[in-house]
Amino acid sequence: MMLAMPRRRARSSLARSIRPLISVGVLAFGLVLSGAFVGIAVRQNAVQQEGRAAQQQIDAELARQAQLRAQIAERKTDTYVIDKARELGYVRPGEGLIAVERGPSGEPVVRINASDGGRLGRWLAVFFGTR
């Protein structure tokens, strides 16, 4: 019996000395596991933010594309082409262009560009002279 007692004490002292090591090991494992979880959560958050930023860029580009398509559709109309041609000084057959400009001495000069002269061109020539 005496031999059995020291073994129990040896086992219990061994168990007492191993318990702190096991608890430290479990704690370390828990810390590593929680650190991995936090790292994954941080990466997931960063990926979600990048995804939202990319979606905002896509939405902005789609809006820009729609705006450009609307401009193209507007510029393909006949009225836009006619208005732009008139801004550049072109006239249609049967129309005349009347422009008032400043001469070298500062007096107004009327420039008449009529394809056929027309009645309006003659009236303007009466009042402003031909130049």
N, C-alpha and C. Protein backbone atom coordinates (compact mmCIF):
# COMPACT_ATOMS: atom_id res chain seq x y z
N MET A 1 0.78 -1.18 0.00
CA MET A 1 0.00 0.00 0.00
C MET A 1 0.84 1.26 0.00
N MET A 2 1.86 1.20 0.61
CA MET A 2 2.71 2.36 0.67
C MET A 2 3.28 2.71 -0.70
N LEU A 3 3.45 1.71 -1.42
CA LEU A 3 3.96 1.98 -2.76
C LEU A 3 2.89 2.64 -3.63
N ALA A 4 1.67 2.33 -3.39
CA ALA A 4 0.60 2.91 -4.19
C ALA A 4 0.40 4.38 -3.86
N MET A 5 0.61 4.75 -2.63
CA MET A 5 0.40 6.14 -2.22
C MET A 5 1.38 7.09 -2.91
N PRO A 6 2.62 6.79 -2.94
CA PRO A 6 3.51 7.72 -3.60
C PRO A 6 3.17 7.87 -5.08
N ARG A 7 2.67 6.83 -5.67
CA ARG A 7 2.31 6.94 -7.08
C ARG A 7 1.13 7.90 -7.26
N ARG A 8 0.20 7.82 -6.33
CA ARG A 8 -0.93 8.75 -6.41
C ARG A 8 -0.44 10.18 -6.25
N ARG A 9 0.44 10.38 -5.32
CA ARG A 9 0.97 11.71 -5.14
C ARG A 9 1.76 12.16 -6.36
N ALA A 10 2.46 11.25 -6.94
CA ALA A 10 3.22 11.58 -8.14
C ALA A 10 2.28 11.92 -9.28
N ARG A 11 1.21 11.14 -9.39
CA ARG A 11 0.26 11.42 -10.46
C ARG A 11 -0.47 12.74 -10.20
N SER A 12 -0.86 12.97 -9.00
CA SER A 12 -1.58 14.20 -8.70
C SER A 12 -0.66 15.41 -8.83
N SER A 13 0.58 15.28 -8.45
CA SER A 13 1.50 16.41 -8.62
C SER A 13 1.82 16.61 -10.09
N LEU A 14 1.88 15.54 -10.85
CA LEU A 14 2.09 15.65 -12.30
C LEU A 14 0.87 16.29 -12.95
N ALA A 15 -0.32 15.88 -12.52
CA ALA A 15 -1.55 16.45 -13.06
C ALA A 15 -1.66 17.93 -12.69
N ARG A 16 -1.24 18.26 -11.49
CA ARG A 16 -1.28 19.67 -11.07
C ARG A 16 -0.29 20.51 -11.87
N SER A 17 0.83 19.96 -12.23
CA SER A 17 1.81 20.73 -12.99
C SER A 17 1.45 20.80 -14.48
N ILE A 18 0.67 19.85 -14.98
CA ILE A 18 0.27 19.85 -16.39
C ILE A 18 -0.94 20.75 -16.62
N ARG A 19 -1.81 20.89 -15.65
CA ARG A 19 -3.02 21.71 -15.81
C ARG A 19 -2.71 23.14 -16.24
N PRO A 20 -1.76 23.82 -15.62
CA PRO A 20 -1.47 25.18 -16.10
C PRO A 20 -0.95 25.19 -17.53
N LEU A 21 -0.16 24.18 -17.90
CA LEU A 21 0.34 24.12 -19.27
C LEU A 21 -0.80 23.89 -20.26
N ILE A 22 -1.72 23.04 -19.88
CA ILE A 22 -2.87 22.79 -20.75
C ILE A 22 -3.73 24.05 -20.86
N SER A 23 -3.94 24.73 -19.76
CA SER A 23 -4.75 25.95 -19.80
C SER A 23 -4.05 27.03 -20.62
N VAL A 24 -2.73 27.13 -20.51
CA VAL A 24 -1.99 28.10 -21.33
C VAL A 24 -2.09 27.71 -22.79
N GLY A 25 -2.00 26.43 -23.09
CA GLY A 25 -2.14 25.97 -24.47
C GLY A 25 -3.52 26.27 -25.03
N VAL A 26 -4.56 26.01 -24.26
CA VAL A 26 -5.93 26.30 -24.70
C VAL A 26 -6.12 27.80 -24.89
N LEU A 27 -5.56 28.59 -23.99
CA LEU A 27 -5.65 30.04 -24.10
C LEU A 27 -4.93 30.53 -25.35
N ALA A 28 -3.72 29.99 -25.59
CA ALA A 28 -2.97 30.38 -26.79
C ALA A 28 -3.73 29.99 -28.05
N PHE A 29 -4.31 28.79 -28.07
CA PHE A 29 -5.09 28.35 -29.21
C PHE A 29 -6.29 29.28 -29.42
N GLY A 30 -6.96 29.67 -28.34
CA GLY A 30 -8.09 30.59 -28.43
C GLY A 30 -7.67 31.95 -28.96
N LEU A 31 -6.50 32.44 -28.52
CA LEU A 31 -6.02 33.73 -29.01
C LEU A 31 -5.67 33.67 -30.50
N VAL A 32 -5.03 32.59 -30.91
CA VAL A 32 -4.70 32.42 -32.33
C VAL A 32 -5.98 32.34 -33.15
N LEU A 33 -6.94 31.59 -32.67
CA LEU A 33 -8.21 31.45 -33.38
C LEU A 33 -8.96 32.78 -33.46
N SER A 34 -8.99 33.53 -32.35
CA SER A 34 -9.67 34.82 -32.38
C SER A 34 -8.92 35.82 -33.26
N GLY A 35 -7.58 35.77 -33.26
CA GLY A 35 -6.80 36.64 -34.15
C GLY A 35 -7.09 36.34 -35.61
N ALA A 36 -7.21 35.05 -35.93
CA ALA A 36 -7.54 34.68 -37.31
C ALA A 36 -8.93 35.17 -37.67
N PHE A 37 -9.88 35.07 -36.75
CA PHE A 37 -11.24 35.54 -36.99
C PHE A 37 -11.25 37.05 -37.23
N VAL A 38 -10.52 37.80 -36.42
CA VAL A 38 -10.46 39.25 -36.59
C VAL A 38 -9.82 39.60 -37.93
N GLY A 39 -8.75 38.89 -38.29
CA GLY A 39 -8.11 39.14 -39.59
C GLY A 39 -9.05 38.90 -40.74
N ILE A 40 -9.81 37.83 -40.68
CA ILE A 40 -10.77 37.51 -41.74
C ILE A 40 -11.86 38.58 -41.79
N ALA A 41 -12.33 39.02 -40.63
CA ALA A 41 -13.37 40.05 -40.59
C ALA A 41 -12.87 41.36 -41.18
N VAL A 42 -11.62 41.72 -40.87
CA VAL A 42 -11.05 42.97 -41.40
C VAL A 42 -10.91 42.87 -42.92
N ARG A 43 -10.42 41.75 -43.42
CA ARG A 43 -10.29 41.57 -44.87
C ARG A 43 -11.64 41.60 -45.55
N GLN A 44 -12.63 40.98 -44.94
CA GLN A 44 -13.97 40.97 -45.53
C GLN A 44 -14.54 42.39 -45.60
N ASN A 45 -14.31 43.17 -44.57
CA ASN A 45 -14.77 44.55 -44.56
C ASN A 45 -14.08 45.35 -45.66
N ALA A 46 -12.77 45.14 -45.83
CA ALA A 46 -12.04 45.86 -46.87
C ALA A 46 -12.54 45.47 -48.25
N VAL A 47 -12.81 44.20 -48.46
CA VAL A 47 -13.32 43.74 -49.76
C VAL A 47 -14.70 44.34 -50.02
N GLN A 48 -15.54 44.42 -49.00
CA GLN A 48 -16.87 45.02 -49.18
C GLN A 48 -16.76 46.49 -49.53
N GLN A 49 -15.83 47.21 -48.89
CA GLN A 49 -15.65 48.62 -49.22
C GLN A 49 -15.16 48.80 -50.65
N GLU A 50 -14.22 47.96 -51.08
CA GLU A 50 -13.75 48.02 -52.46
C GLU A 50 -14.89 47.70 -53.43
N GLY A 51 -15.73 46.76 -53.06
CA GLY A 51 -16.87 46.41 -53.91
C GLY A 51 -17.85 47.57 -54.04
N ARG A 52 -18.11 48.26 -52.92
CA ARG A 52 -19.00 49.42 -52.97
C ARG A 52 -18.40 50.53 -53.82
N ALA A 53 -17.09 50.76 -53.68
CA ALA A 53 -16.43 51.80 -54.48
C ALA A 53 -16.48 51.45 -55.96
N ALA A 54 -16.26 50.18 -56.28
CA ALA A 54 -16.32 49.75 -57.68
C ALA A 54 -17.74 49.90 -58.22
N GLN A 55 -18.74 49.59 -57.43
CA GLN A 55 -20.13 49.73 -57.87
C GLN A 55 -20.48 51.20 -58.10
N GLN A 56 -19.96 52.09 -57.25
CA GLN A 56 -20.20 53.52 -57.45
C GLN A 56 -19.55 53.99 -58.75
N GLN A 57 -18.35 53.50 -59.04
CA GLN A 57 -17.69 53.87 -60.30
C GLN A 57 -18.48 53.35 -61.49
N ILE A 58 -18.99 52.14 -61.38
CA ILE A 58 -19.79 51.57 -62.47
C ILE A 58 -21.05 52.41 -62.68
N ASP A 59 -21.72 52.78 -61.59
CA ASP A 59 -22.93 53.60 -61.70
C ASP A 59 -22.62 54.95 -62.34
N ALA A 60 -21.49 55.56 -61.94
CA ALA A 60 -21.11 56.86 -62.51
C ALA A 60 -20.82 56.72 -64.00
N GLU A 61 -20.13 55.67 -64.39
CA GLU A 61 -19.83 55.47 -65.80
C GLU A 61 -21.09 55.16 -66.61
N LEU A 62 -22.04 54.43 -66.03
CA LEU A 62 -23.29 54.17 -66.72
C LEU A 62 -24.09 55.46 -66.92
N ALA A 63 -24.08 56.33 -65.91
CA ALA A 63 -24.76 57.62 -66.05
C ALA A 63 -24.09 58.47 -67.12
N ARG A 64 -22.76 58.45 -67.14
CA ARG A 64 -22.01 59.21 -68.16
C ARG A 64 -22.30 58.66 -69.55
N GLN A 65 -22.37 57.34 -69.64
CA GLN A 65 -22.67 56.71 -70.93
C GLN A 65 -24.07 57.11 -71.40
N ALA A 66 -25.03 57.12 -70.50
CA ALA A 66 -26.39 57.53 -70.87
C ALA A 66 -26.41 58.98 -71.33
N GLN A 67 -25.65 59.83 -70.64
CA GLN A 67 -25.58 61.24 -71.02
C GLN A 67 -24.96 61.39 -72.41
N LEU A 68 -23.89 60.65 -72.68
CA LEU A 68 -23.25 60.73 -73.99
C LEU A 68 -24.17 60.19 -75.09
N ARG A 69 -24.90 59.12 -74.79
CA ARG A 69 -25.85 58.60 -75.78
C ARG A 69 -26.95 59.62 -76.08
N ALA A 70 -27.40 60.34 -75.05
CA ALA A 70 -28.41 61.38 -75.27
C ALA A 70 -27.85 62.51 -76.13
N GLN A 71 -26.59 62.89 -75.90
CA GLN A 71 -25.96 63.92 -76.73
C GLN A 71 -25.85 63.46 -78.17
N ILE A 72 -25.46 62.21 -78.37
CA ILE A 72 -25.34 61.67 -79.73
C ILE A 72 -26.70 61.68 -80.42
N ALA A 73 -27.73 61.26 -79.71
CA ALA A 73 -29.07 61.23 -80.29
C ALA A 73 -29.53 62.65 -80.64
N GLU A 74 -29.22 63.62 -79.77
CA GLU A 74 -29.60 65.00 -80.05
C GLU A 74 -28.85 65.54 -81.25
N ARG A 75 -27.57 65.21 -81.37
CA ARG A 75 -26.77 65.74 -82.47
C ARG A 75 -27.07 65.08 -83.80
N LYS A 76 -27.78 63.99 -83.79
CA LYS A 76 -28.16 63.34 -85.04
C LYS A 76 -29.45 63.92 -85.62
N THR A 77 -30.12 64.81 -84.88
CA THR A 77 -31.37 65.38 -85.38
C THR A 77 -31.09 66.46 -86.42
N ASP A 78 -32.05 66.66 -87.30
CA ASP A 78 -31.91 67.67 -88.36
C ASP A 78 -31.86 69.08 -87.79
N THR A 79 -32.65 69.34 -86.76
CA THR A 79 -32.67 70.70 -86.20
C THR A 79 -31.32 71.07 -85.60
N TYR A 80 -30.65 70.12 -84.97
CA TYR A 80 -29.33 70.42 -84.41
C TYR A 80 -28.33 70.74 -85.53
N VAL A 81 -28.39 69.95 -86.58
CA VAL A 81 -27.46 70.16 -87.70
C VAL A 81 -27.72 71.52 -88.34
N ILE A 82 -28.97 71.86 -88.53
CA ILE A 82 -29.31 73.15 -89.14
C ILE A 82 -28.86 74.30 -88.25
N ASP A 83 -29.15 74.20 -86.95
CA ASP A 83 -28.74 75.26 -86.03
C ASP A 83 -27.22 75.40 -85.98
N LYS A 84 -26.51 74.30 -85.97
CA LYS A 84 -25.05 74.36 -85.93
C LYS A 84 -24.50 74.97 -87.21
N ALA A 85 -25.09 74.62 -88.34
CA ALA A 85 -24.65 75.20 -89.62
C ALA A 85 -24.89 76.70 -89.64
N ARG A 86 -26.02 77.14 -89.09
CA ARG A 86 -26.30 78.58 -89.04
C ARG A 86 -25.32 79.30 -88.12
N GLU A 87 -24.95 78.66 -87.01
CA GLU A 87 -23.95 79.26 -86.12
C GLU A 87 -22.61 79.43 -86.84
N LEU A 88 -22.30 78.53 -87.74
CA LEU A 88 -21.04 78.59 -88.47
C LEU A 88 -21.11 79.50 -89.69
N GLY A 89 -22.29 80.07 -89.98
CA GLY A 89 -22.41 81.04 -91.06
C GLY A 89 -22.94 80.48 -92.36
N TYR A 90 -23.38 79.26 -92.39
CA TYR A 90 -23.94 78.69 -93.61
C TYR A 90 -25.41 79.08 -93.73
N VAL A 91 -25.85 79.21 -94.99
CA VAL A 91 -27.25 79.52 -95.25
C VAL A 91 -27.81 78.49 -96.22
N ARG A 92 -29.12 78.29 -96.15
CA ARG A 92 -29.79 77.38 -97.06
C ARG A 92 -30.10 78.11 -98.36
N PRO A 93 -30.33 77.38 -99.40
CA PRO A 93 -30.73 78.05 -100.65
C PRO A 93 -32.01 78.84 -100.44
N GLY A 94 -32.02 80.07 -100.92
CA GLY A 94 -33.19 80.92 -100.77
C GLY A 94 -33.16 81.76 -99.51
N GLU A 95 -32.20 81.54 -98.62
CA GLU A 95 -32.07 82.33 -97.40
C GLU A 95 -30.91 83.29 -97.55
N GLY A 96 -30.87 84.28 -96.71
CA GLY A 96 -29.77 85.23 -96.73
C GLY A 96 -29.21 85.40 -95.34
N LEU A 97 -27.94 85.79 -95.27
CA LEU A 97 -27.28 86.00 -93.99
C LEU A 97 -27.01 87.48 -93.85
N ILE A 98 -27.46 88.04 -92.75
CA ILE A 98 -27.25 89.45 -92.47
C ILE A 98 -26.40 89.53 -91.22
N ALA A 99 -25.28 90.22 -91.33
CA ALA A 99 -24.38 90.35 -90.18
C ALA A 99 -24.01 91.80 -90.00
N VAL A 100 -24.05 92.26 -88.76
CA VAL A 100 -23.64 93.62 -88.43
C VAL A 100 -22.30 93.50 -87.73
N GLU A 101 -21.29 94.15 -88.34
CA GLU A 101 -19.94 94.10 -87.80
C GLU A 101 -19.41 95.50 -87.60
N ARG A 102 -18.37 95.60 -86.83
CA ARG A 102 -17.70 96.89 -86.63
C ARG A 102 -16.60 97.02 -87.67
N GLY A 103 -16.57 98.17 -88.32
CA GLY A 103 -15.53 98.43 -89.31
C GLY A 103 -14.25 98.88 -88.63
N PRO A 104 -13.23 99.16 -89.40
CA PRO A 104 -11.94 99.57 -88.82
C PRO A 104 -12.02 100.88 -88.03
N SER A 105 -12.93 101.78 -88.42
CA SER A 105 -13.05 103.04 -87.70
C SER A 105 -14.08 102.97 -86.57
N GLY A 106 -14.73 101.82 -86.40
CA GLY A 106 -15.66 101.65 -85.29
C GLY A 106 -17.11 101.77 -85.69
N GLU A 107 -17.42 102.21 -86.93
CA GLU A 107 -18.81 102.33 -87.33
C GLU A 107 -19.37 100.97 -87.70
N PRO A 108 -20.67 100.75 -87.50
CA PRO A 108 -21.26 99.47 -87.85
C PRO A 108 -21.32 99.27 -89.36
N VAL A 109 -21.00 98.08 -89.77
CA VAL A 109 -21.04 97.71 -91.18
C VAL A 109 -21.98 96.53 -91.31
N VAL A 110 -22.95 96.62 -92.22
CA VAL A 110 -23.89 95.54 -92.44
C VAL A 110 -23.38 94.73 -93.63
N ARG A 111 -23.26 93.44 -93.41
CA ARG A 111 -22.82 92.54 -94.47
C ARG A 111 -24.00 91.65 -94.83
N ILE A 112 -24.36 91.66 -96.10
CA ILE A 112 -25.49 90.88 -96.57
C ILE A 112 -24.96 89.80 -97.49
N ASN A 113 -25.31 88.57 -97.17
CA ASN A 113 -24.91 87.43 -98.01
C ASN A 113 -26.17 86.69 -98.38
N ALA A 114 -26.74 87.06 -99.48
CA ALA A 114 -27.96 86.41 -99.94
C ALA A 114 -27.64 85.69 -101.24
N SER A 115 -28.12 84.51 -101.36
CA SER A 115 -27.79 83.72 -102.55
C SER A 115 -28.45 84.29 -103.80
N ASP A 116 -29.67 84.82 -103.68
CA ASP A 116 -30.34 85.36 -104.85
C ASP A 116 -30.58 86.86 -104.74
N GLY A 117 -30.06 87.47 -103.71
CA GLY A 117 -30.33 88.89 -103.51
C GLY A 117 -31.64 89.06 -102.80
N GLY A 118 -32.71 88.65 -103.39
CA GLY A 118 -34.03 88.64 -102.78
C GLY A 118 -34.53 90.02 -102.41
N ARG A 119 -35.78 90.05 -102.02
CA ARG A 119 -36.43 91.30 -101.65
C ARG A 119 -35.82 91.89 -100.39
N LEU A 120 -35.54 91.03 -99.41
CA LEU A 120 -34.95 91.53 -98.17
C LEU A 120 -33.58 92.13 -98.42
N GLY A 121 -32.81 91.50 -99.28
CA GLY A 121 -31.48 92.03 -99.60
C GLY A 121 -31.56 93.38 -100.27
N ARG A 122 -32.54 93.55 -101.13
CA ARG A 122 -32.70 94.85 -101.79
C ARG A 122 -33.13 95.92 -100.81
N TRP A 123 -34.04 95.58 -99.88
CA TRP A 123 -34.47 96.56 -98.89
C TRP A 123 -33.31 96.96 -97.99
N LEU A 124 -32.56 96.00 -97.56
CA LEU A 124 -31.41 96.34 -96.73
C LEU A 124 -30.38 97.17 -97.48
N ALA A 125 -30.22 96.91 -98.76
CA ALA A 125 -29.30 97.72 -99.58
C ALA A 125 -29.79 99.15 -99.67
N VAL A 126 -31.09 99.34 -99.70
CA VAL A 126 -31.65 100.70 -99.77
C VAL A 126 -31.31 101.44 -98.48
N PHE A 127 -31.49 100.78 -97.32
CA PHE A 127 -31.31 101.48 -96.06
C PHE A 127 -29.85 101.54 -95.62
N PHE A 128 -29.11 100.51 -95.87
CA PHE A 128 -27.73 100.47 -95.36
C PHE A 128 -26.67 100.55 -96.44
N GLY A 129 -27.04 100.48 -97.67
CA GLY A 129 -26.07 100.53 -98.77
C GLY A 129 -25.49 99.14 -99.01
N THR A 130 -24.83 98.99 -100.14
CA THR A 130 -24.23 97.70 -100.46
C THR A 130 -22.76 97.75 -100.09
N ARG A 131 -22.29 96.75 -99.47
CA ARG A 131 -20.88 96.71 -99.07
C ARG A 131 -20.33 95.35 -99.31
